[in-house]
Amino acid sequence: MDKNRIEGAAKELKGTIKEAAGKLTGNKKLEAEGKGEKIAGEAQSTVGKGIDAVKGALK
């Protein structure tokens, strides 16, 4: 498994937690930061999946 997938999943989780905390406390800035981290994590995870697919195809 590519490290981007792992790091991306961690960012996505962190973003989800931040977003939820922002919603819970009414902190729009924290909520927006969480959404941004979540999207960045999803993108990084997708890159990792692509790398894994290429590695698998080359085997």
C-alpha atoms as a PDB file:
ATOM      1  CA  MET A   1       0.000   0.000   0.000  1.00  0.00           C
ATOM      2  CA  ASP A   2       1.371   3.385  -0.999  1.00  0.00           C
ATOM      3  CA  LYS A   3       2.216   5.862   1.772  1.00  0.00           C
ATOM      4  CA  ASN A   4      -0.026   8.448   0.096  1.00  0.00           C
ATOM      5  CA  ARG A   5      -3.038   6.253   0.773  1.00  0.00           C
ATOM      6  CA  ILE A   6      -2.177   6.015   4.462  1.00  0.00           C
ATOM      7  CA  GLU A   7      -1.373   9.711   4.868  1.00  0.00           C
ATOM      8  CA  GLY A   8      -4.446  10.662   2.866  1.00  0.00           C
ATOM      9  CA  ALA A   9      -6.703   8.552   5.057  1.00  0.00           C
ATOM     10  CA  ALA A  10      -5.189  10.150   8.158  1.00  0.00           C
ATOM     11  CA  LYS A  11      -5.768  13.664   6.786  1.00  0.00           C
ATOM     12  CA  GLU A  12      -9.301  12.739   5.808  1.00  0.00           C
ATOM     13  CA  LEU A  13     -10.032  11.468   9.323  1.00  0.00           C
ATOM     14  CA  LYS A  14      -8.488  14.550  10.920  1.00  0.00           C
ATOM     15  CA  GLY A  15     -10.544  16.771   8.615  1.00  0.00           C
ATOM     16  CA  THR A  16     -13.737  14.915   9.430  1.00  0.00           C
ATOM     17  CA  ILE A  17     -13.101  15.360  13.147  1.00  0.00           C
ATOM     18  CA  LYS A  18     -12.310  19.070  12.742  1.00  0.00           C
ATOM     19  CA  GLU A  19     -15.404  19.593  10.604  1.00  0.00           C
ATOM     20  CA  ALA A  20     -17.613  17.872  13.169  1.00  0.00           C
ATOM     21  CA  ALA A  21     -16.060  19.861  16.018  1.00  0.00           C
ATOM     22  CA  GLY A  22     -16.641  23.073  14.094  1.00  0.00           C
ATOM     23  CA  LYS A  23     -20.275  22.202  13.481  1.00  0.00           C
ATOM     24  CA  LEU A  24     -20.750  21.223  17.106  1.00  0.00           C
ATOM     25  CA  THR A  25     -19.273  24.440  18.466  1.00  0.00           C
ATOM     26  CA  GLY A  26     -20.603  26.715  15.737  1.00  0.00           C
ATOM     27  CA  ASN A  27     -17.041  27.602  14.697  1.00  0.00           C
ATOM     28  CA  LYS A  28     -17.292  28.172  10.940  1.00  0.00           C
ATOM     29  CA  LYS A  29     -13.517  28.614  10.554  1.00  0.00           C
ATOM     30  CA  LEU A  30     -12.771  25.250  12.151  1.00  0.00           C
ATOM     31  CA  GLU A  31     -15.511  23.636  10.080  1.00  0.00           C
ATOM     32  CA  ALA A  32     -14.041  25.088   6.865  1.00  0.00           C
ATOM     33  CA  GLU A  33     -10.526  23.963   7.826  1.00  0.00           C
ATOM     34  CA  GLY A  34     -11.881  20.480   8.420  1.00  0.00           C
ATOM     35  CA  LYS A  35     -13.595  20.386   5.046  1.00  0.00           C
ATOM     36  CA  GLY A  36     -10.380  21.516   3.371  1.00  0.00           C
ATOM     37  CA  GLU A  37      -8.285  18.870   5.111  1.00  0.00           C
ATOM     38  CA  LYS A  38     -10.860  16.220   4.298  1.00  0.00           C
ATOM     39  CA  ILE A  39     -10.763  17.116   0.593  1.00  0.00           C
ATOM     40  CA  ALA A  40      -6.949  17.201   0.603  1.00  0.00           C
ATOM     41  CA  GLY A  41      -6.886  13.798   2.267  1.00  0.00           C
ATOM     42  CA  GLU A  42      -9.277  12.350  -0.285  1.00  0.00           C
ATOM     43  CA  ALA A  43      -7.114  13.691  -3.112  1.00  0.00           C
ATOM     44  CA  GLN A  44      -3.914  12.304  -1.589  1.00  0.00           C
ATOM     45  CA  SER A  45      -5.573   8.944  -1.049  1.00  0.00           C
ATOM     46  CA  THR A  46      -6.690   8.895  -4.678  1.00  0.00           C
ATOM     47  CA  VAL A  47      -3.124   9.576  -5.790  1.00  0.00           C
ATOM     48  CA  GLY A  48      -1.948   6.660  -3.654  1.00  0.00           C
ATOM     49  CA  LYS A  49      -4.565   4.375  -5.181  1.00  0.00           C
ATOM     50  CA  GLY A  50      -3.390   5.391  -8.653  1.00  0.00           C
ATOM     51  CA  ILE A  51       0.220   4.649  -7.758  1.00  0.00           C
ATOM     52  CA  ASP A  52      -0.787   1.254  -6.372  1.00  0.00           C
ATOM     53  CA  ALA A  53      -2.719   0.523  -9.575  1.00  0.00           C
ATOM     54  CA  VAL A  54       0.290   1.375 -11.738  1.00  0.00           C
ATOM     55  CA  LYS A  55       2.594  -0.740  -9.587  1.00  0.00           C
ATOM     56  CA  GLY A  56       0.135  -3.620  -9.810  1.00  0.00           C
ATOM     57  CA  ALA A  57      -0.084  -3.315 -13.585  1.00  0.00           C
ATOM     58  CA  LEU A  58       3.697  -3.360 -13.919  1.00  0.00           C
ATOM     59  CA  LYS A  59       4.091  -6.618 -11.979  1.00  0.00           C
END
